[in-house]
Amino acid sequence: MLIYATEDTQESDALGSTIDFTLGGTHNTPASDLTPPQIRIFLNDTVSAITGAYDQDVATIIKLSDESGINISDAVLGQNLSLTLNDSITFNLNGQYIAELDNFRKGVVWFPLSELPAGINTLSVNARDIYGNSSIETVEFQVEAKSSFITEIKSYPNPFIDETFFSVSHDLTGENLELEVEILNSRGQPVQVLKGEVLSAEENLVVNWDGKDHNGQKLQAGIYFYTFRIISNTTGKSDFVRRKLIISN
């Protein structure tokens, strides 16, 4: 195996090789693992406990850990990393799993759920490690119907490199509004919050972001999520929408 690497600045590079590896085959003395994965489920952020009432659009954040690693292979039927909503709809989360940097034992899934029914909702997450040990974690939470006035939202370009624009349309034309855009990384941790005020707002509003965190540092390429929130200082109404955002190299 021959590997070549270079810095983004092209000022230095590296070259390495090895012939000491095996493809295929089986291990004569495989390790034993009977411990199932650990699962923690959060809604909207990884700080707050699941309590109180939620809107009909929520972000499900699932933290997983296992000493042998989480199985995200589709090779065996019925052994996917999955989320089941209200014992009726099951989502395959294999493609949404993001392992921690340089750590195959831990990872996270960020999965949005929209238009949830009002009342008690149930989420069940089923995870297996690479030895087939299985865990199921279930949570219940209350959903309240909300009156939405955000009619459309998008970010462009998406993916982006240096700058993106959040464009939102709403039904509060002429009112005085507070705007907030919260950016979360793939682990559900807030990295930036953009705030502003608009007097006698027009129907379409735009907020730009330079891809930097609250310390002014450029964020790494990867998957991020944003919550665009509008609060009316005229009537007290509030509304928000969550979407995915990608920073590329």
Protein backbone atom coordinates (compact mmCIF):
# COMPACT_ATOMS: atom_id res chain seq x y z
CA MET A 1 0.00 0.00 0.00
CA LEU A 2 1.37 3.39 -1.04
CA ILE A 3 -0.03 6.62 0.44
CA TYR A 4 0.75 10.18 -0.60
CA ALA A 5 -0.44 13.26 1.33
CA THR A 6 -0.07 17.01 0.93
CA GLU A 7 -1.12 20.12 2.87
CA ASP A 8 -3.76 22.48 1.50
CA THR A 9 -1.05 25.11 1.08
CA GLN A 10 1.07 22.69 -1.02
CA GLU A 11 4.11 23.71 1.07
CA SER A 12 4.91 20.20 2.28
CA ASP A 13 4.00 16.62 1.46
CA ALA A 14 4.54 13.09 2.73
CA LEU A 15 4.92 9.63 1.24
CA GLY A 16 4.66 6.25 2.94
CA SER A 17 4.18 2.58 2.15
CA THR A 18 3.70 -0.80 3.80
CA ILE A 19 3.42 -4.44 2.77
CA ASP A 20 2.40 -5.74 6.22
CA PHE A 21 -1.36 -6.21 5.91
CA THR A 22 -3.85 -8.93 4.97
CA LEU A 23 -6.99 -8.72 2.86
CA GLY A 24 -9.78 -11.20 3.63
CA GLY A 25 -9.51 -14.32 5.76
CA THR A 26 -10.49 -14.90 9.39
CA HIS A 27 -8.78 -14.45 12.74
CA ASN A 28 -7.67 -17.63 14.51
CA THR A 29 -8.50 -16.27 17.97
CA PRO A 30 -11.25 -13.64 17.58
CA ALA A 31 -11.96 -11.39 20.55
CA SER A 32 -15.06 -12.02 22.64
CA ASP A 33 -17.62 -9.25 23.11
CA LEU A 34 -21.00 -9.78 24.78
CA THR A 35 -21.66 -6.14 25.73
CA PRO A 36 -24.29 -4.29 23.64
CA PRO A 37 -23.95 -0.66 22.49
CA GLN A 38 -24.91 2.28 24.69
CA ILE A 39 -27.58 4.60 23.28
CA ARG A 40 -28.51 8.12 24.39
CA ILE A 41 -31.37 10.02 22.72
CA PHE A 42 -31.76 13.81 22.72
CA LEU A 43 -34.21 16.21 21.09
CA ASN A 44 -33.02 19.48 19.48
CA ASP A 45 -29.78 19.67 21.51
CA THR A 46 -27.50 17.49 23.62
CA VAL A 47 -27.74 19.66 26.74
CA SER A 48 -31.40 19.49 27.77
CA ALA A 49 -33.23 16.45 29.13
CA ILE A 50 -36.33 15.31 27.23
CA THR A 51 -39.09 17.07 29.13
CA GLY A 52 -42.03 19.37 28.49
CA ALA A 53 -43.74 19.83 25.13
CA TYR A 54 -42.12 19.99 21.69
CA ASP A 55 -43.14 21.42 18.34
CA GLN A 56 -44.16 19.17 15.48
CA ASP A 57 -40.69 19.48 13.91
CA VAL A 58 -37.83 18.15 16.06
CA ALA A 59 -34.20 17.19 15.57
CA THR A 60 -33.40 13.74 16.95
CA ILE A 61 -29.78 13.45 18.13
CA ILE A 62 -28.57 9.95 18.98
CA LYS A 63 -25.22 9.33 20.66
CA LEU A 64 -23.86 5.78 20.38
CA SER A 65 -20.83 4.03 21.83
CA ASP A 66 -19.43 0.50 21.85
CA GLU A 67 -15.96 -0.89 22.47
CA SER A 68 -16.09 -2.95 19.26
CA GLY A 69 -17.77 -0.32 17.08
CA ILE A 70 -21.31 0.27 15.83
CA ASN A 71 -22.61 -1.89 12.98
CA ILE A 72 -23.81 0.23 10.04
CA SER A 73 -23.65 -2.48 7.38
CA ASP A 74 -26.67 -3.44 5.27
CA ALA A 75 -25.23 -6.94 4.75
CA VAL A 76 -27.55 -8.67 7.24
CA LEU A 77 -31.30 -8.10 6.95
CA GLY A 78 -32.87 -6.63 10.08
CA GLN A 79 -29.60 -5.58 11.73
CA ASN A 80 -29.53 -1.96 10.60
CA LEU A 81 -29.05 0.98 12.90
CA SER A 82 -32.66 2.14 12.97
CA LEU A 83 -35.20 4.51 14.50
CA THR A 84 -38.87 3.57 14.88
CA LEU A 85 -41.49 6.29 15.31
CA ASN A 86 -44.67 5.46 17.22
CA ASP A 87 -44.23 1.70 16.59
CA SER A 88 -45.25 2.22 12.97
CA ILE A 89 -42.52 3.81 10.81
CA THR A 90 -38.90 2.60 10.83
CA PHE A 91 -36.01 4.61 9.39
CA ASN A 92 -32.65 3.13 8.39
CA LEU A 93 -29.95 5.32 9.99
CA ASN A 94 -26.87 3.56 8.60
CA GLY A 95 -26.12 6.43 6.24
CA GLN A 96 -26.65 9.10 8.92
CA TYR A 97 -24.12 7.70 11.41
CA ILE A 98 -21.00 9.86 11.84
CA ALA A 99 -18.11 8.39 13.84
CA GLU A 100 -16.02 10.62 16.09
CA LEU A 101 -12.72 11.77 14.64
CA ASP A 102 -10.06 9.07 15.14
CA ASN A 103 -12.44 7.03 17.33
CA PHE A 104 -14.45 4.17 15.81
CA ARG A 105 -16.03 3.39 19.20
CA LYS A 106 -18.28 6.48 19.36
CA GLY A 107 -20.51 8.33 16.95
CA VAL A 108 -23.67 10.35 16.50
CA VAL A 109 -26.77 10.47 14.33
CA TRP A 110 -28.69 13.69 13.62
CA PHE A 111 -32.11 12.90 12.14
CA PRO A 112 -34.92 15.45 11.63
CA LEU A 113 -38.56 14.49 12.15
CA SER A 114 -41.26 16.72 10.68
CA GLU A 115 -45.04 17.08 11.06
CA LEU A 116 -45.25 14.86 14.13
CA PRO A 117 -48.78 14.22 15.41
CA ALA A 118 -49.93 16.17 18.46
CA GLY A 119 -49.92 14.15 21.68
CA ILE A 120 -47.54 11.51 23.05
CA ASN A 121 -44.92 10.30 20.56
CA THR A 122 -42.52 7.37 20.99
CA LEU A 123 -39.02 6.97 19.55
CA SER A 124 -37.15 3.65 19.67
CA VAL A 125 -33.54 3.32 18.51
CA ASN A 126 -32.12 -0.12 17.75
CA ALA A 127 -28.33 -0.48 17.48
CA ARG A 128 -25.95 -3.42 17.16
CA ASP A 129 -22.20 -3.70 17.45
CA ILE A 130 -20.06 -5.62 14.96
CA TYR A 131 -20.48 -8.79 17.06
CA GLY A 132 -24.26 -8.64 16.77
CA ASN A 133 -25.01 -7.54 20.35
CA SER A 134 -28.19 -5.47 20.27
CA SER A 135 -29.55 -2.55 22.32
CA ILE A 136 -32.89 -0.75 22.16
CA GLU A 137 -33.51 2.64 23.78
CA THR A 138 -37.01 4.16 23.87
CA VAL A 139 -38.19 7.64 24.85
CA GLU A 140 -41.59 9.31 24.98
CA PHE A 141 -42.28 13.01 24.52
CA GLN A 142 -45.23 15.36 24.20
CA VAL A 143 -45.90 17.23 20.94
CA GLU A 144 -48.08 20.32 20.68
CA ALA A 145 -49.55 21.57 17.42
CA LYS A 146 -48.17 24.95 16.40
CA SER A 147 -49.31 27.73 14.14
CA SER A 148 -46.56 28.22 11.56
CA PHE A 149 -45.91 31.49 9.73
CA ILE A 150 -42.61 30.55 8.05
CA THR A 151 -43.66 29.55 4.54
CA GLU A 152 -40.33 28.74 2.89
CA ILE A 153 -36.64 28.53 3.80
CA LYS A 154 -33.46 27.62 1.96
CA SER A 155 -29.71 28.15 2.14
CA TYR A 156 -27.61 28.91 -0.93
CA PRO A 157 -25.12 27.81 -1.94
CA ASN A 158 -25.36 24.51 -0.08
CA PRO A 159 -22.77 22.96 0.08
CA PHE A 160 -20.65 26.12 0.40
CA ILE A 161 -16.99 27.02 0.94
CA ASP A 162 -16.66 30.65 2.09
CA GLU A 163 -20.18 32.03 2.56
CA THR A 164 -23.82 30.98 2.46
CA PHE A 165 -27.13 32.85 2.62
CA PHE A 166 -30.22 31.82 4.60
CA SER A 167 -33.37 32.98 2.80
CA VAL A 168 -36.74 32.79 4.54
CA SER A 169 -40.28 33.75 3.52
CA HIS A 170 -42.98 34.44 6.12
CA ASP A 171 -46.49 35.80 6.73
CA LEU A 172 -45.55 38.62 9.15
CA THR A 173 -44.98 41.37 6.59
CA GLY A 174 -44.78 44.81 8.21
CA GLU A 175 -44.09 43.55 11.74
CA ASN A 176 -40.95 44.13 13.82
CA LEU A 177 -39.04 40.85 13.99
CA GLU A 178 -36.10 39.29 15.81
CA LEU A 179 -34.08 36.79 13.77
CA GLU A 180 -31.85 34.04 15.12
CA VAL A 181 -29.88 31.39 13.23
CA GLU A 182 -28.26 28.74 15.43
CA ILE A 183 -25.63 26.50 13.83
CA LEU A 184 -24.98 23.01 15.25
CA ASN A 185 -22.20 20.60 14.34
CA SER A 186 -22.85 16.92 13.56
CA ARG A 187 -22.70 16.09 17.29
CA GLY A 188 -25.52 18.52 18.08
CA GLN A 189 -23.21 21.09 19.69
CA PRO A 190 -23.84 24.80 18.99
CA VAL A 191 -20.92 26.45 17.17
CA GLN A 192 -22.42 29.80 16.14
CA VAL A 193 -25.50 31.96 16.73
CA LEU A 194 -26.44 34.79 14.37
CA LYS A 195 -28.90 37.42 15.64
CA GLY A 196 -30.56 40.47 14.13
CA GLU A 197 -33.62 42.71 14.18
CA VAL A 198 -35.82 43.86 11.31
CA LEU A 199 -38.28 46.76 11.48
CA SER A 200 -41.38 46.64 9.27
CA ALA A 201 -40.18 43.37 7.78
CA GLU A 202 -40.59 42.51 4.13
CA GLU A 203 -41.92 39.11 3.10
CA ASN A 204 -38.48 37.72 2.20
CA LEU A 205 -35.52 37.98 4.58
CA VAL A 206 -31.87 37.01 4.05
CA VAL A 207 -29.10 36.34 6.60
CA ASN A 208 -25.53 35.58 5.52
CA TRP A 209 -22.90 33.48 7.30
CA ASP A 210 -19.16 33.22 6.65
CA GLY A 211 -18.75 29.67 7.97
CA LYS A 212 -16.91 30.75 11.14
CA ASP A 213 -17.63 29.76 14.75
CA HIS A 214 -18.25 32.11 17.68
CA ASN A 215 -14.47 32.49 18.12
CA GLY A 216 -14.02 33.66 14.54
CA GLN A 217 -12.37 30.40 13.46
CA LYS A 218 -13.20 28.82 10.11
CA LEU A 219 -15.14 25.60 10.69
CA GLN A 220 -13.96 22.31 9.23
CA ALA A 221 -15.65 20.79 6.21
CA GLY A 222 -18.53 18.51 7.16
CA ILE A 223 -22.24 18.28 7.93
CA TYR A 224 -23.90 20.97 10.04
CA PHE A 225 -27.48 21.85 10.95
CA TYR A 226 -29.16 25.19 11.42
CA THR A 227 -32.29 26.42 13.17
CA PHE A 228 -33.79 29.62 11.74
CA ARG A 229 -36.03 31.24 14.35
CA ILE A 230 -38.29 34.29 13.95
CA ILE A 231 -39.89 36.13 16.89
CA SER A 232 -42.40 38.92 16.34
CA ASN A 233 -41.94 41.88 18.68
CA THR A 234 -45.32 43.12 17.44
CA THR A 235 -47.48 40.11 18.38
CA GLY A 236 -45.14 37.84 20.38
CA LYS A 237 -45.52 34.97 17.90
CA SER A 238 -42.51 32.74 17.22
CA ASP A 239 -41.67 30.05 14.69
CA PHE A 240 -38.60 28.09 13.57
CA VAL A 241 -37.40 25.64 10.93
CA ARG A 242 -34.43 23.22 10.99
CA ARG A 243 -32.39 22.17 7.97
CA LYS A 244 -29.08 20.50 7.02
CA LEU A 245 -26.04 22.46 5.83
CA ILE A 246 -22.75 21.25 4.34
CA ILE A 247 -19.37 23.00 4.39
CA SER A 248 -17.05 21.72 1.67
CA ASN A 249 -13.33 22.18 1.07
